[in-house]
Amino acid sequence: MVETDSANNGSGETPTVALSVDGRIAEDKICIECGYNLRGLLPGRMCPECGAPISASLRGHELQHASLPWLRKVTFGFELLRWGIITLIFPFVAALLGRNLLATSTGLPPWAVSLCALVPILMLVNCIGLVVVGLACATRVEPRLSRREGWSARRLTRLLIATLIVATTLFEGLKLALPMGEVLDRLVVWFPVLQRALVLLTAVVFMWFVVGLLRRTAEEKVIRSAEETRAALLIGIAVLAIAWLLDLLARILPPGTALADRIREATDTADSLRTYMVGIFLAGLLVVICQLASLLARTVALAEVQARRPDVDASRI
């Protein structure tokens, strides 16, 4: 076995790859465009599956060396996420204004009353749509990992989002289809608990995915900031989890006992605290997403420059 420096990545670093005696790749290297295993091929040739230069796949695991089409899609996803979270404030403002209008005005026509109720709902649906589409784009599988990815944070995030959407749709459908009775009453009581648990779990897994992306940059400041933000967000998630657990216990324990009364009192306090923690969590998540969106935009610009001019030193851009 020998090592070659033929895959110079233009960033001042020269990664090495094990070659056989006849100069072919002697270890598992995955094509960044299609995921094809490049073992046994010559470093200077093209991928037989997709035609991408093999030398591009022999670079490091940093984001700037990832597939450019994948980078563009992920960047677009995080941009949608950023705007989806930012615009979440508008439905609540519209609902507050509509409530004040209905409380202070008399003799409003029916269409105005319906409009006050409908506008916040439509705005909220639009925000949720931006977030869902953004998450779908941001968690697209990277081609080089498509054939060997296990249960990663990216895959778990997509599975949890799909589960949450399906469960919520089924719940709303059952509320419309089932008559009022014991089954529907139990669904109304227990589904919000399940929904909160899924949202918390999705938030934790998605944060791990985001921090994993941030770690794939050469900027130490970004990595350090991501670790600090993750620690702060985990504290917020822990508080939300405690509030969820108290809510669960309050629903399980029979009323009238001293323990149940104490837990219900703590639940009332936790509900107030949870409102603030949700706001803090969304603000922190927005900071991380904005940071990652900016980083990805710079990375895409750098990758596009290197695609046009492979001889450019990335450290000087």
Protein backbone atom coordinates (compact mmCIF):
# COMPACT_ATOMS: atom_id res chain seq x y z
CA MET A 1 0.00 0.00 0.00
CA VAL A 2 1.12 3.54 -0.73
CA GLU A 3 -0.46 6.96 -0.13
CA THR A 4 -1.24 9.57 -2.71
CA ASP A 5 -1.68 13.33 -2.50
CA SER A 6 -3.47 13.54 -5.83
CA ALA A 7 -6.74 14.62 -4.15
CA ASN A 8 -5.54 17.99 -2.95
CA ASN A 9 -8.63 19.83 -1.75
CA GLY A 10 -7.47 23.35 -2.39
CA SER A 11 -7.70 24.36 1.27
CA GLY A 12 -4.09 23.94 2.23
CA GLU A 13 -4.64 20.33 3.36
CA THR A 14 -3.69 17.27 1.36
CA PRO A 15 -5.75 14.24 2.37
CA THR A 16 -4.26 10.85 1.73
CA VAL A 17 -5.85 7.70 0.44
CA ALA A 18 -4.49 4.16 0.41
CA LEU A 19 -3.59 2.93 -3.08
CA SER A 20 -2.75 -0.50 -4.38
CA VAL A 21 0.46 -1.23 -6.25
CA ASP A 22 -1.15 -0.39 -9.59
CA GLY A 23 -2.35 3.01 -8.28
CA ARG A 24 -6.00 2.12 -7.64
CA ILE A 25 -7.97 3.10 -4.52
CA ALA A 26 -7.48 0.36 -1.93
CA GLU A 27 -10.03 1.43 0.69
CA ASP A 28 -13.73 2.21 0.81
CA LYS A 29 -14.34 5.72 -0.50
CA ILE A 30 -17.87 6.85 -1.32
CA CYS A 31 -18.77 9.16 -4.22
CA ILE A 32 -20.15 12.43 -2.84
CA GLU A 33 -22.66 12.72 -5.68
CA CYS A 34 -24.23 9.25 -5.87
CA GLY A 35 -22.83 7.14 -3.00
CA TYR A 36 -21.01 4.68 -5.27
CA ASN A 37 -18.09 2.81 -3.67
CA LEU A 38 -14.91 3.94 -5.45
CA ARG A 39 -12.63 1.13 -4.24
CA GLY A 40 -10.58 -0.31 -7.10
CA LEU A 41 -10.81 2.80 -9.32
CA LEU A 42 -8.10 5.24 -10.37
CA PRO A 43 -8.15 8.58 -8.45
CA GLY A 44 -7.89 10.65 -11.61
CA ARG A 45 -10.92 9.11 -13.35
CA MET A 46 -14.66 9.77 -13.19
CA CYS A 47 -17.24 7.89 -11.13
CA PRO A 48 -18.73 5.17 -13.37
CA GLU A 49 -22.16 5.68 -11.77
CA CYS A 50 -22.69 9.44 -12.09
CA GLY A 51 -19.62 10.83 -13.90
CA ALA A 52 -18.43 13.04 -11.01
CA PRO A 53 -14.63 13.46 -10.59
CA ILE A 54 -13.31 10.83 -8.21
CA SER A 55 -10.77 13.32 -6.81
CA ALA A 56 -13.63 15.40 -5.37
CA SER A 57 -14.77 12.41 -3.31
CA LEU A 58 -11.30 11.82 -1.85
CA ARG A 59 -11.33 15.11 0.05
CA GLY A 60 -12.26 15.58 3.68
CA HIS A 61 -15.66 15.30 5.36
CA GLU A 62 -16.05 19.08 5.75
CA LEU A 63 -19.16 20.73 4.35
CA GLN A 64 -17.17 22.59 1.70
CA HIS A 65 -16.25 19.23 0.14
CA ALA A 66 -19.81 17.85 0.12
CA SER A 67 -21.98 17.47 -2.96
CA LEU A 68 -22.87 20.93 -4.29
CA PRO A 69 -26.50 20.05 -5.28
CA TRP A 70 -27.04 18.57 -1.80
CA LEU A 71 -25.56 21.68 -0.17
CA ARG A 72 -27.90 23.92 -2.16
CA LYS A 73 -30.98 21.92 -1.11
CA VAL A 74 -29.97 21.84 2.55
CA THR A 75 -29.24 25.57 2.51
CA PHE A 76 -32.66 26.23 0.99
CA GLY A 77 -34.24 24.08 3.72
CA PHE A 78 -32.61 26.02 6.53
CA GLU A 79 -33.63 29.32 4.92
CA LEU A 80 -37.25 28.11 4.92
CA LEU A 81 -36.89 27.02 8.54
CA ARG A 82 -35.51 30.39 9.52
CA TRP A 83 -38.41 32.29 7.96
CA GLY A 84 -40.96 29.75 9.21
CA ILE A 85 -39.86 30.28 12.82
CA ILE A 86 -39.58 34.05 12.45
CA THR A 87 -43.08 34.35 11.00
CA LEU A 88 -44.60 32.25 13.81
CA ILE A 89 -45.11 35.47 15.73
CA PHE A 90 -47.57 36.85 13.16
CA PRO A 91 -50.45 34.36 13.76
CA PHE A 92 -50.36 35.10 17.48
CA VAL A 93 -50.32 38.86 16.87
CA ALA A 94 -53.22 38.51 14.41
CA ALA A 95 -55.19 36.40 16.92
CA LEU A 96 -54.59 38.95 19.67
CA LEU A 97 -55.68 41.84 17.44
CA GLY A 98 -58.74 39.92 16.27
CA ARG A 99 -59.73 39.10 19.86
CA ASN A 100 -59.42 42.74 20.89
CA LEU A 101 -61.43 43.82 17.86
CA LEU A 102 -64.25 41.40 18.69
CA ALA A 103 -64.22 42.47 22.35
CA THR A 104 -64.31 46.22 21.68
CA SER A 105 -66.51 46.37 18.58
CA THR A 106 -70.20 45.65 18.39
CA GLY A 107 -72.38 45.01 15.40
CA LEU A 108 -69.64 43.50 13.24
CA PRO A 109 -70.96 41.67 10.15
CA PRO A 110 -70.62 37.87 10.19
CA TRP A 111 -67.91 37.91 7.52
CA ALA A 112 -65.75 40.18 9.70
CA VAL A 113 -66.14 37.85 12.69
CA SER A 114 -65.21 34.85 10.51
CA LEU A 115 -62.26 36.73 9.08
CA CYS A 116 -60.90 37.52 12.55
CA ALA A 117 -60.90 33.80 13.33
CA LEU A 118 -59.75 32.59 9.91
CA VAL A 119 -56.74 34.87 9.28
CA PRO A 120 -54.63 33.66 12.27
CA ILE A 121 -55.37 30.03 11.34
CA LEU A 122 -54.29 30.54 7.73
CA MET A 123 -51.14 32.35 8.85
CA LEU A 124 -50.31 29.55 11.27
CA VAL A 125 -50.85 26.90 8.58
CA ASN A 126 -48.51 28.84 6.30
CA CYS A 127 -45.81 28.99 9.00
CA ILE A 128 -46.16 25.29 9.76
CA GLY A 129 -45.93 24.54 6.03
CA LEU A 130 -42.69 26.51 5.77
CA VAL A 131 -41.25 24.65 8.76
CA VAL A 132 -42.28 21.20 7.47
CA VAL A 133 -40.98 21.80 3.93
CA GLY A 134 -37.82 23.36 5.39
CA LEU A 135 -37.22 20.33 7.59
CA ALA A 136 -37.79 17.98 4.65
CA CYS A 137 -35.17 19.86 2.57
CA ALA A 138 -32.72 20.40 5.43
CA THR A 139 -32.68 16.70 6.34
CA ARG A 140 -32.16 15.33 2.83
CA VAL A 141 -29.75 12.43 2.77
CA GLU A 142 -26.22 13.22 1.65
CA PRO A 143 -25.33 11.11 -1.42
CA ARG A 144 -22.07 9.85 0.06
CA LEU A 145 -23.99 8.49 3.08
CA SER A 146 -27.04 7.14 1.26
CA ARG A 147 -25.78 3.54 1.03
CA ARG A 148 -24.26 3.18 4.49
CA GLU A 149 -26.30 5.43 6.78
CA GLY A 150 -27.77 3.76 9.85
CA TRP A 151 -30.17 5.22 12.39
CA SER A 152 -28.72 8.71 12.27
CA ALA A 153 -30.13 11.93 13.76
CA ARG A 154 -31.13 12.98 10.25
CA ARG A 155 -33.18 9.85 9.62
CA LEU A 156 -34.76 9.90 13.08
CA THR A 157 -35.76 13.54 12.59
CA ARG A 158 -37.60 12.72 9.36
CA LEU A 159 -39.28 9.67 10.95
CA LEU A 160 -40.45 11.67 13.98
CA ILE A 161 -41.78 14.51 11.81
CA ALA A 162 -43.73 12.04 9.66
CA THR A 163 -45.08 10.32 12.79
CA LEU A 164 -46.16 13.65 14.27
CA ILE A 165 -47.94 14.72 11.07
CA VAL A 166 -49.73 11.38 10.65
CA ALA A 167 -50.74 11.19 14.33
CA THR A 168 -52.09 14.75 14.34
CA THR A 169 -54.03 14.18 11.12
CA LEU A 170 -55.57 10.95 12.45
CA PHE A 171 -56.48 12.65 15.73
CA GLU A 172 -58.24 15.54 14.02
CA GLY A 173 -60.01 13.11 11.68
CA LEU A 174 -61.22 10.96 14.59
CA LYS A 175 -62.49 14.07 16.40
CA LEU A 176 -64.68 14.82 13.39
CA ALA A 177 -65.76 11.23 12.72
CA LEU A 178 -66.38 9.83 16.20
CA PRO A 179 -69.45 10.78 18.26
CA MET A 180 -68.95 12.30 21.67
CA GLY A 181 -68.30 9.50 24.12
CA GLU A 182 -65.74 7.76 26.30
CA VAL A 183 -63.34 6.94 23.44
CA LEU A 184 -63.24 10.49 22.12
CA ASP A 185 -62.92 11.91 25.64
CA ARG A 186 -59.87 9.72 26.26
CA LEU A 187 -58.33 10.77 22.94
CA VAL A 188 -58.82 14.45 23.78
CA VAL A 189 -57.18 13.93 27.18
CA TRP A 190 -54.23 11.77 26.15
CA PHE A 191 -53.29 12.86 22.65
CA PRO A 192 -51.83 16.25 23.72
CA VAL A 193 -49.49 14.36 26.07
CA LEU A 194 -48.29 12.14 23.22
CA GLN A 195 -48.01 15.14 20.90
CA ARG A 196 -45.81 17.05 23.36
CA ALA A 197 -43.59 14.00 23.82
CA LEU A 198 -43.11 13.68 20.05
CA VAL A 199 -42.35 17.40 19.70
CA LEU A 200 -39.77 17.25 22.52
CA LEU A 201 -38.10 14.17 21.07
CA THR A 202 -38.04 15.71 17.58
CA ALA A 203 -36.46 18.90 18.97
CA VAL A 204 -33.70 16.95 20.74
CA VAL A 205 -32.88 14.78 17.72
CA PHE A 206 -32.96 17.72 15.31
CA MET A 207 -30.57 19.67 17.55
CA TRP A 208 -28.11 16.78 17.39
CA PHE A 209 -28.40 16.79 13.61
CA VAL A 210 -27.79 20.57 13.42
CA VAL A 211 -24.77 20.43 15.73
CA GLY A 212 -23.42 17.55 13.64
CA LEU A 213 -23.56 19.78 10.56
CA LEU A 214 -21.90 22.68 12.40
CA ARG A 215 -19.07 20.38 13.46
CA ARG A 216 -18.28 19.77 9.82
CA THR A 217 -16.81 23.23 9.41
CA ALA A 218 -13.22 24.28 9.90
CA GLU A 219 -14.27 27.38 11.90
CA GLU A 220 -13.48 26.68 15.56
CA LYS A 221 -15.56 29.69 16.66
CA VAL A 222 -18.66 28.24 14.99
CA ILE A 223 -18.11 24.82 16.57
CA ARG A 224 -17.61 26.33 20.04
CA SER A 225 -20.71 28.53 19.68
CA ALA A 226 -22.76 25.53 18.53
CA GLU A 227 -21.73 23.52 21.60
CA GLU A 228 -22.64 26.39 23.94
CA THR A 229 -26.01 26.92 22.27
CA ARG A 230 -26.76 23.22 22.36
CA ALA A 231 -26.08 23.11 26.10
CA ALA A 232 -28.46 26.04 26.68
CA LEU A 233 -31.16 24.47 24.51
CA LEU A 234 -30.84 21.14 26.31
CA ILE A 235 -31.56 22.92 29.61
CA GLY A 236 -34.71 24.37 28.06
CA ILE A 237 -35.72 20.96 26.72
CA ALA A 238 -35.17 19.46 30.20
CA VAL A 239 -37.55 22.04 31.72
CA LEU A 240 -40.14 21.29 29.04
CA ALA A 241 -39.73 17.56 29.71
CA ILE A 242 -40.33 18.08 33.44
CA ALA A 243 -43.49 20.07 32.66
CA TRP A 244 -44.64 17.27 30.34
CA LEU A 245 -43.94 14.62 33.02
CA LEU A 246 -45.91 16.57 35.65
CA ASP A 247 -48.79 16.89 33.20
CA LEU A 248 -48.67 13.13 32.57
CA LEU A 249 -48.69 12.34 36.32
CA ALA A 250 -51.56 14.76 36.89
CA ARG A 251 -53.64 12.84 34.35
CA ILE A 252 -52.69 9.39 35.69
CA LEU A 253 -53.07 9.87 39.46
CA PRO A 254 -56.62 9.66 40.86
CA PRO A 255 -57.95 12.99 42.11
CA GLY A 256 -58.40 13.65 45.82
CA THR A 257 -55.06 12.28 47.07
CA ALA A 258 -52.45 14.56 48.61
CA LEU A 259 -49.82 13.61 46.02
CA ALA A 260 -52.20 14.29 43.12
CA ASP A 261 -53.13 17.71 44.54
CA ARG A 262 -49.47 18.67 44.94
CA ILE A 263 -48.63 17.54 41.42
CA ARG A 264 -51.56 19.52 40.00
CA GLU A 265 -50.33 22.62 41.83
CA ALA A 266 -46.85 22.04 40.43
CA THR A 267 -48.38 21.49 36.98
CA ASP A 268 -50.04 24.91 37.09
CA THR A 269 -46.66 26.48 37.88
CA ALA A 270 -44.95 24.35 35.24
CA ASP A 271 -47.48 25.43 32.60
CA SER A 272 -46.61 29.07 33.19
CA LEU A 273 -42.91 28.26 33.10
CA ARG A 274 -43.37 26.17 29.97
CA THR A 275 -44.80 29.12 28.07
CA TYR A 276 -41.64 31.13 28.72
CA MET A 277 -39.36 28.16 28.03
CA VAL A 278 -41.02 27.50 24.67
CA GLY A 279 -40.29 31.09 23.68
CA ILE A 280 -36.69 30.85 24.88
CA PHE A 281 -36.26 27.52 23.11
CA LEU A 282 -37.62 28.86 19.81
CA ALA A 283 -35.36 31.92 20.11
CA GLY A 284 -32.30 29.74 20.75
CA LEU A 285 -33.22 27.36 17.94
CA LEU A 286 -33.66 30.34 15.62
CA VAL A 287 -30.16 31.59 16.52
CA VAL A 288 -28.63 28.21 15.69
CA ILE A 289 -30.61 27.86 12.44
CA CYS A 290 -29.65 31.39 11.34
CA GLN A 291 -26.02 30.60 12.15
CA LEU A 292 -26.12 27.38 10.17
CA ALA A 293 -27.99 29.00 7.25
CA SER A 294 -25.30 31.71 7.00
CA LEU A 295 -22.55 29.10 7.24
CA LEU A 296 -24.16 26.96 4.53
CA ALA A 297 -24.61 29.99 2.26
CA ARG A 298 -20.88 30.79 2.58
CA THR A 299 -20.02 27.13 2.02
CA VAL A 300 -22.14 26.95 -1.13
CA ALA A 301 -20.50 30.13 -2.47
CA LEU A 302 -17.06 28.67 -1.72
CA ALA A 303 -17.95 25.33 -3.34
CA GLU A 304 -19.25 27.09 -6.45
CA VAL A 305 -16.00 29.06 -6.75
CA GLN A 306 -13.96 25.89 -6.35
CA ALA A 307 -16.14 24.08 -8.91
CA ARG A 308 -15.35 26.79 -11.47
CA ARG A 309 -11.71 27.21 -10.45
CA PRO A 310 -10.32 24.08 -8.74
CA ASP A 311 -6.89 25.72 -8.40
CA VAL A 312 -8.21 28.43 -6.03
CA ASP A 313 -6.99 28.18 -2.44
CA ALA A 314 -10.12 28.06 -0.24
CA SER A 315 -8.30 29.62 2.70
CA ARG A 316 -7.85 32.85 0.74
CA ILE A 317 -11.51 33.27 -0.25
